[in-house]
Amino acid sequence: MYGIVNKAIEEFVCDRFGLETWDAILARSTGAHPAFVSALAYDDRITFDLIAAGSDVCSMPESRFMEDIGAHWAGALLERFPETMHAGSGSFETLLDSLEGMRGRILLLFPDSVPPRFSVTHLRPGLSVLRYFSNRPVFASLVHGVIRGLARHLELQVDVARRDDRGELVIRWSVET
């Protein structure tokens, strides 16, 4: 796992719970580093250990912890790199469609990575199915959170239901009033 994911966990925890909580998570995590380098690859076990320790320290189920990291990360990425997911288009469908395109950009930055694949089917306005394919299915919860964060950015109400543990998400959305 590249350090960018571990840094996303760190940023979420520090922004939401504070540095003391991050220090407590590091203390419970075996193999964790006090500072992660975004472009450096780390053993997946370090990331999974950070997630387990974060869930425990923050008193949240792991799936909710991951969702909240995803929502926070989406907001941070859109602030730093608004062009990353065509955020200026104003279309939620376009944002969903651009997720697969992110794969190519990730591979340019991290050539040895194995980023997830996405497939989107728009069933009708306000209803889409997003399929997440990864050798790390536990990260479907993170993707769920990313969808929440993108919807918040576009001021949409969103309801995301997971159909299975592999990562099929049914997404319903509407414009907030």
N, C-alpha and C. Protein backbone atom coordinates (compact mmCIF):
# COMPACT_ATOMS: atom_id res chain seq x y z
N MET A 1 0.86 -1.17 0.00
CA MET A 1 0.00 0.00 0.00
C MET A 1 0.91 1.22 0.00
N TYR A 2 0.57 2.18 -0.83
CA TYR A 2 1.37 3.39 -0.88
C TYR A 2 1.04 4.30 0.31
N GLY A 3 2.04 5.05 0.70
CA GLY A 3 1.92 5.93 1.86
C GLY A 3 0.80 6.94 1.76
N ILE A 4 0.37 7.26 0.53
CA ILE A 4 -0.70 8.24 0.36
C ILE A 4 -1.98 7.79 1.09
N VAL A 5 -2.21 6.48 1.15
CA VAL A 5 -3.38 5.96 1.86
C VAL A 5 -3.19 6.12 3.37
N ASN A 6 -2.00 5.78 3.85
CA ASN A 6 -1.73 5.94 5.28
C ASN A 6 -1.78 7.41 5.69
N LYS A 7 -1.29 8.29 4.80
CA LYS A 7 -1.37 9.73 5.09
C LYS A 7 -2.83 10.20 5.12
N ALA A 8 -3.68 9.62 4.28
CA ALA A 8 -5.10 9.98 4.30
C ALA A 8 -5.72 9.59 5.64
N ILE A 9 -5.34 8.43 6.16
CA ILE A 9 -5.83 8.00 7.47
C ILE A 9 -5.35 8.99 8.53
N GLU A 10 -4.07 9.33 8.47
CA GLU A 10 -3.50 10.27 9.44
C GLU A 10 -4.19 11.63 9.38
N GLU A 11 -4.38 12.18 8.18
CA GLU A 11 -5.02 13.49 8.05
C GLU A 11 -6.44 13.47 8.59
N PHE A 12 -7.18 12.40 8.28
CA PHE A 12 -8.55 12.29 8.79
C PHE A 12 -8.55 12.28 10.31
N VAL A 13 -7.72 11.42 10.91
CA VAL A 13 -7.70 11.30 12.37
C VAL A 13 -7.29 12.62 13.01
N CYS A 14 -6.23 13.24 12.51
CA CYS A 14 -5.75 14.49 13.11
C CYS A 14 -6.77 15.61 12.96
N ASP A 15 -7.41 15.71 11.78
CA ASP A 15 -8.41 16.76 11.57
C ASP A 15 -9.65 16.55 12.42
N ARG A 16 -10.07 15.32 12.55
CA ARG A 16 -11.34 15.05 13.24
C ARG A 16 -11.17 14.80 14.73
N PHE A 17 -10.09 14.14 15.13
CA PHE A 17 -9.94 13.72 16.52
C PHE A 17 -8.74 14.33 17.23
N GLY A 18 -7.78 14.84 16.47
CA GLY A 18 -6.61 15.47 17.08
C GLY A 18 -5.35 14.62 17.05
N LEU A 19 -4.23 15.28 17.23
CA LEU A 19 -2.92 14.64 17.17
C LEU A 19 -2.74 13.59 18.26
N GLU A 20 -3.33 13.82 19.43
CA GLU A 20 -3.19 12.85 20.52
C GLU A 20 -3.82 11.52 20.13
N THR A 21 -4.95 11.58 19.43
CA THR A 21 -5.60 10.35 18.99
C THR A 21 -4.74 9.64 17.96
N TRP A 22 -4.13 10.38 17.03
CA TRP A 22 -3.25 9.77 16.05
C TRP A 22 -2.07 9.09 16.75
N ASP A 23 -1.51 9.75 17.75
CA ASP A 23 -0.40 9.15 18.50
C ASP A 23 -0.84 7.86 19.18
N ALA A 24 -2.07 7.83 19.70
CA ALA A 24 -2.58 6.61 20.34
C ALA A 24 -2.75 5.49 19.32
N ILE A 25 -3.18 5.84 18.11
CA ILE A 25 -3.33 4.85 17.04
C ILE A 25 -1.96 4.30 16.65
N LEU A 26 -0.98 5.18 16.49
CA LEU A 26 0.37 4.72 16.15
C LEU A 26 0.92 3.79 17.23
N ALA A 27 0.65 4.11 18.49
CA ALA A 27 1.15 3.29 19.60
C ALA A 27 0.56 1.89 19.56
N ARG A 28 -0.65 1.74 19.04
CA ARG A 28 -1.30 0.42 18.97
C ARG A 28 -1.00 -0.33 17.68
N SER A 29 -0.40 0.35 16.72
CA SER A 29 -0.16 -0.24 15.40
C SER A 29 1.24 -0.80 15.31
N THR A 30 1.35 -2.07 14.97
CA THR A 30 2.67 -2.67 14.80
C THR A 30 3.23 -2.27 13.43
N GLY A 31 4.45 -1.87 13.41
CA GLY A 31 5.11 -1.52 12.15
C GLY A 31 4.78 -0.14 11.62
N ALA A 32 3.94 0.62 12.32
CA ALA A 32 3.57 1.95 11.83
C ALA A 32 4.74 2.90 11.99
N HIS A 33 4.79 3.87 11.12
CA HIS A 33 5.86 4.86 11.12
C HIS A 33 5.31 6.18 11.64
N PRO A 34 6.14 6.98 12.29
CA PRO A 34 5.65 8.29 12.75
C PRO A 34 5.36 9.25 11.61
N ALA A 35 5.94 9.00 10.43
CA ALA A 35 5.68 9.84 9.26
C ALA A 35 5.70 8.96 8.01
N PHE A 36 4.63 9.05 7.23
CA PHE A 36 4.53 8.26 6.00
C PHE A 36 4.88 9.13 4.81
N VAL A 37 5.52 8.54 3.83
CA VAL A 37 5.88 9.20 2.59
C VAL A 37 4.88 8.74 1.53
N SER A 38 4.18 9.68 0.90
CA SER A 38 3.10 9.35 -0.04
C SER A 38 3.53 8.38 -1.14
N ALA A 39 4.70 8.57 -1.70
CA ALA A 39 5.13 7.78 -2.86
C ALA A 39 5.86 6.50 -2.48
N LEU A 40 5.97 6.21 -1.20
CA LEU A 40 6.67 5.01 -0.75
C LEU A 40 5.68 3.89 -0.50
N ALA A 41 6.02 2.68 -0.94
CA ALA A 41 5.15 1.52 -0.73
C ALA A 41 5.43 0.93 0.66
N TYR A 42 4.34 0.62 1.37
CA TYR A 42 4.42 0.01 2.69
C TYR A 42 3.68 -1.33 2.64
N ASP A 43 4.01 -2.19 3.55
CA ASP A 43 3.31 -3.47 3.66
C ASP A 43 1.83 -3.20 3.95
N ASP A 44 0.95 -3.91 3.26
CA ASP A 44 -0.50 -3.73 3.48
C ASP A 44 -0.88 -3.92 4.94
N ARG A 45 -0.16 -4.79 5.64
CA ARG A 45 -0.49 -5.06 7.05
C ARG A 45 -0.40 -3.79 7.90
N ILE A 46 0.50 -2.88 7.54
CA ILE A 46 0.61 -1.63 8.29
C ILE A 46 -0.69 -0.84 8.15
N THR A 47 -1.19 -0.75 6.94
CA THR A 47 -2.44 -0.01 6.70
C THR A 47 -3.61 -0.68 7.41
N PHE A 48 -3.71 -1.98 7.29
CA PHE A 48 -4.81 -2.70 7.94
C PHE A 48 -4.72 -2.57 9.46
N ASP A 49 -3.50 -2.54 9.99
CA ASP A 49 -3.30 -2.36 11.42
C ASP A 49 -3.72 -0.95 11.85
N LEU A 50 -3.39 0.05 11.03
CA LEU A 50 -3.82 1.43 11.33
C LEU A 50 -5.34 1.52 11.36
N ILE A 51 -5.99 0.84 10.41
CA ILE A 51 -7.46 0.86 10.35
C ILE A 51 -8.05 0.19 11.59
N ALA A 52 -7.52 -0.96 11.97
CA ALA A 52 -8.03 -1.66 13.15
C ALA A 52 -7.81 -0.83 14.42
N ALA A 53 -6.62 -0.27 14.57
CA ALA A 53 -6.32 0.54 15.75
C ALA A 53 -7.16 1.82 15.74
N GLY A 54 -7.32 2.43 14.56
CA GLY A 54 -8.14 3.65 14.47
C GLY A 54 -9.58 3.40 14.82
N SER A 55 -10.10 2.30 14.35
CA SER A 55 -11.48 1.93 14.66
C SER A 55 -11.65 1.76 16.17
N ASP A 56 -10.70 1.10 16.78
CA ASP A 56 -10.76 0.85 18.22
C ASP A 56 -10.61 2.13 19.02
N VAL A 57 -9.57 2.90 18.72
CA VAL A 57 -9.30 4.14 19.47
C VAL A 57 -10.43 5.15 19.30
N CYS A 58 -10.98 5.23 18.10
CA CYS A 58 -12.05 6.21 17.82
C CYS A 58 -13.44 5.66 18.13
N SER A 59 -13.51 4.42 18.61
CA SER A 59 -14.79 3.79 18.98
C SER A 59 -15.79 3.80 17.83
N MET A 60 -15.32 3.35 16.68
CA MET A 60 -16.15 3.30 15.48
C MET A 60 -15.99 1.92 14.85
N PRO A 61 -17.05 1.37 14.27
CA PRO A 61 -16.85 0.14 13.49
C PRO A 61 -15.88 0.42 12.34
N GLU A 62 -15.10 -0.59 11.95
CA GLU A 62 -14.11 -0.38 10.88
C GLU A 62 -14.74 0.14 9.60
N SER A 63 -15.91 -0.37 9.24
CA SER A 63 -16.54 0.08 8.00
C SER A 63 -16.88 1.57 8.07
N ARG A 64 -17.36 2.03 9.22
CA ARG A 64 -17.69 3.46 9.36
C ARG A 64 -16.42 4.32 9.39
N PHE A 65 -15.39 3.81 10.06
CA PHE A 65 -14.10 4.50 10.10
C PHE A 65 -13.58 4.70 8.67
N MET A 66 -13.64 3.62 7.87
CA MET A 66 -13.18 3.70 6.48
C MET A 66 -14.05 4.65 5.65
N GLU A 67 -15.36 4.60 5.83
CA GLU A 67 -16.25 5.51 5.10
C GLU A 67 -15.91 6.96 5.41
N ASP A 68 -15.71 7.24 6.68
CA ASP A 68 -15.40 8.62 7.08
C ASP A 68 -14.05 9.07 6.53
N ILE A 69 -13.08 8.16 6.48
CA ILE A 69 -11.79 8.49 5.86
C ILE A 69 -12.02 8.83 4.39
N GLY A 70 -12.82 8.02 3.70
CA GLY A 70 -13.10 8.25 2.28
C GLY A 70 -13.76 9.59 2.03
N ALA A 71 -14.76 9.94 2.85
CA ALA A 71 -15.45 11.22 2.70
C ALA A 71 -14.48 12.39 2.93
N HIS A 72 -13.65 12.26 3.94
CA HIS A 72 -12.67 13.30 4.25
C HIS A 72 -11.65 13.41 3.11
N TRP A 73 -11.19 12.28 2.61
CA TRP A 73 -10.18 12.25 1.56
C TRP A 73 -10.72 12.87 0.28
N ALA A 74 -11.97 12.57 -0.06
CA ALA A 74 -12.57 13.16 -1.27
C ALA A 74 -12.59 14.68 -1.17
N GLY A 75 -12.99 15.19 -0.03
CA GLY A 75 -13.01 16.64 0.16
C GLY A 75 -11.63 17.24 0.05
N ALA A 76 -10.65 16.58 0.67
CA ALA A 76 -9.27 17.08 0.63
C ALA A 76 -8.72 17.07 -0.80
N LEU A 77 -8.98 15.99 -1.53
CA LEU A 77 -8.49 15.91 -2.90
C LEU A 77 -9.14 16.95 -3.80
N LEU A 78 -10.43 17.16 -3.61
CA LEU A 78 -11.12 18.16 -4.43
C LEU A 78 -10.64 19.58 -4.13
N GLU A 79 -10.28 19.83 -2.88
CA GLU A 79 -9.73 21.14 -2.54
C GLU A 79 -8.35 21.33 -3.16
N ARG A 80 -7.51 20.31 -3.05
CA ARG A 80 -6.13 20.41 -3.54
C ARG A 80 -6.02 20.31 -5.05
N PHE A 81 -6.82 19.42 -5.63
CA PHE A 81 -6.73 19.13 -7.06
C PHE A 81 -8.13 19.07 -7.68
N PRO A 82 -8.78 20.20 -7.84
CA PRO A 82 -10.16 20.18 -8.33
C PRO A 82 -10.32 19.53 -9.70
N GLU A 83 -9.27 19.51 -10.49
CA GLU A 83 -9.36 18.89 -11.81
C GLU A 83 -9.26 17.36 -11.73
N THR A 84 -8.86 16.83 -10.57
CA THR A 84 -8.62 15.40 -10.43
C THR A 84 -9.80 14.56 -10.90
N MET A 85 -10.99 14.95 -10.52
CA MET A 85 -12.17 14.18 -10.89
C MET A 85 -13.17 15.05 -11.63
N HIS A 86 -12.66 15.98 -12.41
CA HIS A 86 -13.53 16.87 -13.19
C HIS A 86 -14.57 17.52 -12.29
N ALA A 87 -14.13 17.98 -11.13
CA ALA A 87 -15.04 18.53 -10.14
C ALA A 87 -15.81 19.73 -10.66
N GLY A 88 -15.27 20.43 -11.62
CA GLY A 88 -15.92 21.63 -12.12
C GLY A 88 -17.12 21.34 -13.02
N SER A 89 -17.32 20.09 -13.40
CA SER A 89 -18.38 19.77 -14.35
C SER A 89 -19.77 19.94 -13.74
N GLY A 90 -19.85 19.83 -12.42
CA GLY A 90 -21.15 19.97 -11.76
C GLY A 90 -22.04 18.76 -11.92
N SER A 91 -21.59 17.72 -12.59
CA SER A 91 -22.40 16.54 -12.83
C SER A 91 -21.90 15.37 -11.99
N PHE A 92 -22.78 14.84 -11.18
CA PHE A 92 -22.43 13.68 -10.36
C PHE A 92 -22.13 12.48 -11.24
N GLU A 93 -22.89 12.33 -12.32
CA GLU A 93 -22.64 11.22 -13.25
C GLU A 93 -21.22 11.30 -13.81
N THR A 94 -20.77 12.49 -14.17
CA THR A 94 -19.42 12.67 -14.70
C THR A 94 -18.38 12.33 -13.65
N LEU A 95 -18.63 12.73 -12.41
CA LEU A 95 -17.70 12.38 -11.34
C LEU A 95 -17.61 10.86 -11.18
N LEU A 96 -18.75 10.19 -11.18
CA LEU A 96 -18.73 8.73 -11.06
C LEU A 96 -17.99 8.10 -12.24
N ASP A 97 -18.27 8.60 -13.43
CA ASP A 97 -17.62 8.06 -14.62
C ASP A 97 -16.11 8.28 -14.59
N SER A 98 -15.66 9.34 -13.94
CA SER A 98 -14.24 9.66 -13.93
C SER A 98 -13.44 8.79 -12.96
N LEU A 99 -14.10 8.01 -12.12
CA LEU A 99 -13.37 7.18 -11.17
C LEU A 99 -12.45 6.19 -11.87
N GLU A 100 -12.90 5.58 -12.94
CA GLU A 100 -12.05 4.64 -13.67
C GLU A 100 -10.87 5.37 -14.30
N GLY A 101 -11.06 6.60 -14.74
CA GLY A 101 -9.97 7.37 -15.31
C GLY A 101 -8.89 7.68 -14.29
N MET A 102 -9.27 7.74 -13.03
CA MET A 102 -8.28 7.96 -11.98
C MET A 102 -7.25 6.84 -11.94
N ARG A 103 -7.68 5.64 -12.35
CA ARG A 103 -6.77 4.49 -12.35
C ARG A 103 -5.51 4.79 -13.17
N GLY A 104 -5.70 5.37 -14.35
CA GLY A 104 -4.56 5.71 -15.19
C GLY A 104 -3.66 6.75 -14.56
N ARG A 105 -4.27 7.74 -13.92
CA ARG A 105 -3.47 8.77 -13.26
C ARG A 105 -2.70 8.18 -12.07
N ILE A 106 -3.32 7.25 -11.35
CA ILE A 106 -2.64 6.60 -10.23
C ILE A 106 -1.45 5.80 -10.75
N LEU A 107 -1.65 5.09 -11.85
CA LEU A 107 -0.55 4.29 -12.42
C LEU A 107 0.60 5.16 -12.92
N LEU A 108 0.30 6.36 -13.39
CA LEU A 108 1.37 7.28 -13.78
C LEU A 108 2.20 7.71 -12.57
N LEU A 109 1.52 7.97 -11.46
CA LEU A 109 2.21 8.40 -10.25
C LEU A 109 2.89 7.25 -9.52
N PHE A 110 2.21 6.09 -9.51
CA PHE A 110 2.68 4.93 -8.77
C PHE A 110 2.68 3.71 -9.70
N PRO A 111 3.68 3.59 -10.57
CA PRO A 111 3.66 2.57 -11.62
C PRO A 111 3.58 1.13 -11.12
N ASP A 112 4.06 0.87 -9.92
CA ASP A 112 4.04 -0.50 -9.39
C ASP A 112 2.78 -0.80 -8.59
N SER A 113 1.86 0.15 -8.53
CA SER A 113 0.65 -0.05 -7.74
C SER A 113 -0.35 -0.94 -8.49
N VAL A 114 -1.32 -1.41 -7.75
CA VAL A 114 -2.43 -2.19 -8.33
C VAL A 114 -3.72 -1.48 -7.90
N PRO A 115 -4.04 -0.36 -8.58
CA PRO A 115 -5.22 0.41 -8.18
C PRO A 115 -6.51 -0.34 -8.53
N PRO A 116 -7.58 0.02 -7.85
CA PRO A 116 -8.86 -0.63 -8.14
C PRO A 116 -9.39 -0.25 -9.51
N ARG A 117 -10.34 -1.02 -9.97
CA ARG A 117 -11.08 -0.72 -11.20
C ARG A 117 -12.50 -0.37 -10.79
N PHE A 118 -13.12 0.45 -11.61
CA PHE A 118 -14.51 0.84 -11.38
C PHE A 118 -15.32 0.65 -12.64
N SER A 119 -16.57 0.31 -12.47
CA SER A 119 -17.52 0.23 -13.57
C SER A 119 -18.80 0.90 -13.09
N VAL A 120 -19.32 1.81 -13.88
CA VAL A 120 -20.54 2.53 -13.50
C VAL A 120 -21.63 2.26 -14.52
N THR A 121 -22.81 1.99 -14.02
CA THR A 121 -23.99 1.86 -14.87
C THR A 121 -25.02 2.86 -14.35
N HIS A 122 -25.42 3.78 -15.20
CA HIS A 122 -26.45 4.75 -14.83
C HIS A 122 -27.79 4.17 -15.26
N LEU A 123 -28.62 3.82 -14.27
CA LEU A 123 -29.90 3.18 -14.56
C LEU A 123 -30.96 4.18 -14.96
N ARG A 124 -30.93 5.33 -14.32
CA ARG A 124 -31.85 6.43 -14.65
C ARG A 124 -31.33 7.66 -13.89
N PRO A 125 -31.83 8.84 -14.20
CA PRO A 125 -31.36 10.01 -13.45
C PRO A 125 -31.56 9.80 -11.94
N GLY A 126 -30.49 9.98 -11.21
CA GLY A 126 -30.55 9.83 -9.76
C GLY A 126 -30.32 8.42 -9.26
N LEU A 127 -29.99 7.48 -10.14
CA LEU A 127 -29.76 6.09 -9.71
C LEU A 127 -28.66 5.46 -10.56
N SER A 128 -27.59 5.06 -9.90
CA SER A 128 -26.46 4.43 -10.58
C SER A 128 -25.98 3.24 -9.75
N VAL A 129 -25.30 2.35 -10.42
CA VAL A 129 -24.63 1.24 -9.74
C VAL A 129 -23.14 1.38 -10.03
N LEU A 130 -22.35 1.42 -8.98
CA LEU A 130 -20.90 1.50 -9.07
C LEU A 130 -20.34 0.17 -8.62
N ARG A 131 -19.53 -0.42 -9.46
CA ARG A 131 -18.87 -1.67 -9.09
C ARG A 131 -17.39 -1.37 -8.86
N TYR A 132 -16.91 -1.89 -7.76
CA TYR A 132 -15.53 -1.68 -7.32
C TYR A 132 -14.83 -3.03 -7.38
N PHE A 133 -13.74 -3.10 -8.13
CA PHE A 133 -12.99 -4.34 -8.28
C PHE A 133 -11.59 -4.11 -7.73
N SER A 134 -11.21 -4.90 -6.74
CA SER A 134 -9.91 -4.71 -6.12
C SER A 134 -9.46 -6.00 -5.46
N ASN A 135 -8.14 -6.13 -5.33
CA ASN A 135 -7.62 -7.24 -4.55
C ASN A 135 -7.67 -6.91 -3.05
N ARG A 136 -8.23 -5.75 -2.74
CA ARG A 136 -8.44 -5.31 -1.35
C ARG A 136 -9.92 -4.93 -1.17
N PRO A 137 -10.81 -5.91 -1.14
CA PRO A 137 -12.24 -5.60 -1.08
C PRO A 137 -12.67 -4.83 0.18
N VAL A 138 -11.85 -4.89 1.22
CA VAL A 138 -12.18 -4.16 2.45
C VAL A 138 -12.27 -2.65 2.17
N PHE A 139 -11.63 -2.19 1.09
CA PHE A 139 -11.64 -0.76 0.79
C PHE A 139 -12.93 -0.30 0.11
N ALA A 140 -13.89 -1.20 -0.07
CA ALA A 140 -15.20 -0.79 -0.59
C ALA A 140 -15.83 0.25 0.34
N SER A 141 -15.59 0.14 1.63
CA SER A 141 -16.11 1.13 2.58
C SER A 141 -15.48 2.50 2.35
N LEU A 142 -14.20 2.52 2.00
CA LEU A 142 -13.53 3.79 1.70
C LEU A 142 -14.17 4.42 0.47
N VAL A 143 -14.45 3.61 -0.55
CA VAL A 143 -15.10 4.11 -1.77
C VAL A 143 -16.49 4.65 -1.44
N HIS A 144 -17.21 3.96 -0.57
CA HIS A 144 -18.51 4.44 -0.11
C HIS A 144 -18.37 5.86 0.44
N GLY A 145 -17.35 6.06 1.27
CA GLY A 145 -17.11 7.38 1.83
C GLY A 145 -16.71 8.41 0.78
N VAL A 146 -15.91 8.00 -0.19
CA VAL A 146 -15.52 8.92 -1.27
C VAL A 146 -16.77 9.42 -1.99
N ILE A 147 -17.72 8.51 -2.24
CA ILE A 147 -18.97 8.90 -2.90
C ILE A 147 -19.72 9.92 -2.05
N ARG A 148 -19.78 9.69 -0.73
CA ARG A 148 -20.41 10.66 0.17
C ARG A 148 -19.72 12.01 0.08
N GLY A 149 -18.38 12.00 0.06
CA GLY A 149 -17.63 13.26 0.00
C GLY A 149 -17.84 13.99 -1.32
N LEU A 150 -17.89 13.26 -2.42
CA LEU A 150 -18.14 13.89 -3.72
C LEU A 150 -19.54 14.50 -3.76
N ALA A 151 -20.51 13.76 -3.24
CA ALA A 151 -21.89 14.27 -3.22
C ALA A 151 -21.98 15.53 -2.36
N ARG A 152 -21.31 15.54 -1.22
CA ARG A 152 -21.31 16.72 -0.37
C ARG A 152 -20.74 17.93 -1.12
N HIS A 153 -19.68 17.69 -1.88
CA HIS A 153 -19.06 18.76 -2.67
C HIS A 153 -20.06 19.36 -3.67
N LEU A 154 -20.90 18.51 -4.25
CA LEU A 154 -21.88 18.97 -5.25
C LEU A 154 -23.23 19.31 -4.63
N GLU A 155 -23.29 19.31 -3.30
CA GLU A 155 -24.51 19.63 -2.57
C GLU A 155 -25.68 18.73 -2.98
N LEU A 156 -25.38 17.43 -3.00
CA LEU A 156 -26.39 16.42 -3.31
C LEU A 156 -26.71 15.61 -2.07
N GLN A 157 -27.95 15.20 -1.96
CA GLN A 157 -28.31 14.18 -0.99
C GLN A 157 -27.95 12.86 -1.63
N VAL A 158 -27.30 12.00 -0.90
CA VAL A 158 -26.90 10.73 -1.48
C VAL A 158 -27.22 9.60 -0.51
N ASP A 159 -27.69 8.52 -1.06
CA ASP A 159 -27.93 7.30 -0.29
C ASP A 159 -27.15 6.20 -0.98
N VAL A 160 -26.21 5.62 -0.29
CA VAL A 160 -25.37 4.57 -0.87
C VAL A 160 -25.66 3.28 -0.13
N ALA A 161 -26.06 2.27 -0.85
CA ALA A 161 -26.32 0.95 -0.26
C ALA A 161 -25.36 -0.05 -0.88
N ARG A 162 -24.75 -0.84 -0.02
CA ARG A 162 -23.84 -1.87 -0.53
C ARG A 162 -24.64 -3.14 -0.76
N ARG A 163 -24.46 -3.71 -1.95
CA ARG A 163 -25.15 -4.96 -2.28
C ARG A 163 -24.40 -6.17 -1.78
N ASP A 164 -23.09 -6.06 -1.69
CA ASP A 164 -22.31 -7.21 -1.27
C ASP A 164 -20.98 -6.73 -0.71
N ASP A 165 -20.21 -7.66 -0.17
CA ASP A 165 -18.93 -7.31 0.43
C ASP A 165 -17.83 -7.07 -0.59
N ARG A 166 -18.07 -7.40 -1.85
CA ARG A 166 -17.05 -7.21 -2.87
C ARG A 166 -17.00 -5.77 -3.36
N GLY A 167 -18.02 -4.98 -3.13
CA GLY A 167 -17.92 -3.59 -3.48
C GLY A 167 -18.92 -3.07 -4.48
N GLU A 168 -20.07 -3.73 -4.64
CA GLU A 168 -21.09 -3.16 -5.52
C GLU A 168 -21.92 -2.18 -4.69
N LEU A 169 -21.93 -0.94 -5.14
CA LEU A 169 -22.64 0.11 -4.43
C LEU A 169 -23.80 0.60 -5.29
N VAL A 170 -24.98 0.67 -4.71
CA VAL A 170 -26.14 1.25 -5.39
C VAL A 170 -26.25 2.67 -4.86
N ILE A 171 -26.22 3.63 -5.76
CA ILE A 171 -26.16 5.04 -5.38
C ILE A 171 -27.42 5.75 -5.85
N ARG A 172 -28.15 6.32 -4.91
CA ARG A 172 -29.30 7.16 -5.23
C ARG A 172 -28.95 8.57 -4.77
N TRP A 173 -29.25 9.54 -5.61
CA TRP A 173 -28.95 10.91 -5.21
C TRP A 173 -30.02 11.87 -5.73
N SER A 174 -30.07 13.01 -5.08
CA SER A 174 -30.97 14.08 -5.49
C SER A 174 -30.35 15.40 -5.03
N VAL A 175 -30.78 16.48 -5.65
CA VAL A 175 -30.27 17.79 -5.30
C VAL A 175 -30.87 18.19 -3.96
N GLU A 176 -30.01 18.69 -3.06
CA GLU A 176 -30.49 19.16 -1.76
C GLU A 176 -31.34 20.41 -1.94
N THR A 177 -32.35 20.57 -1.08
CA THR A 177 -33.17 21.78 -1.12
C THR A 177 -33.07 22.52 0.17
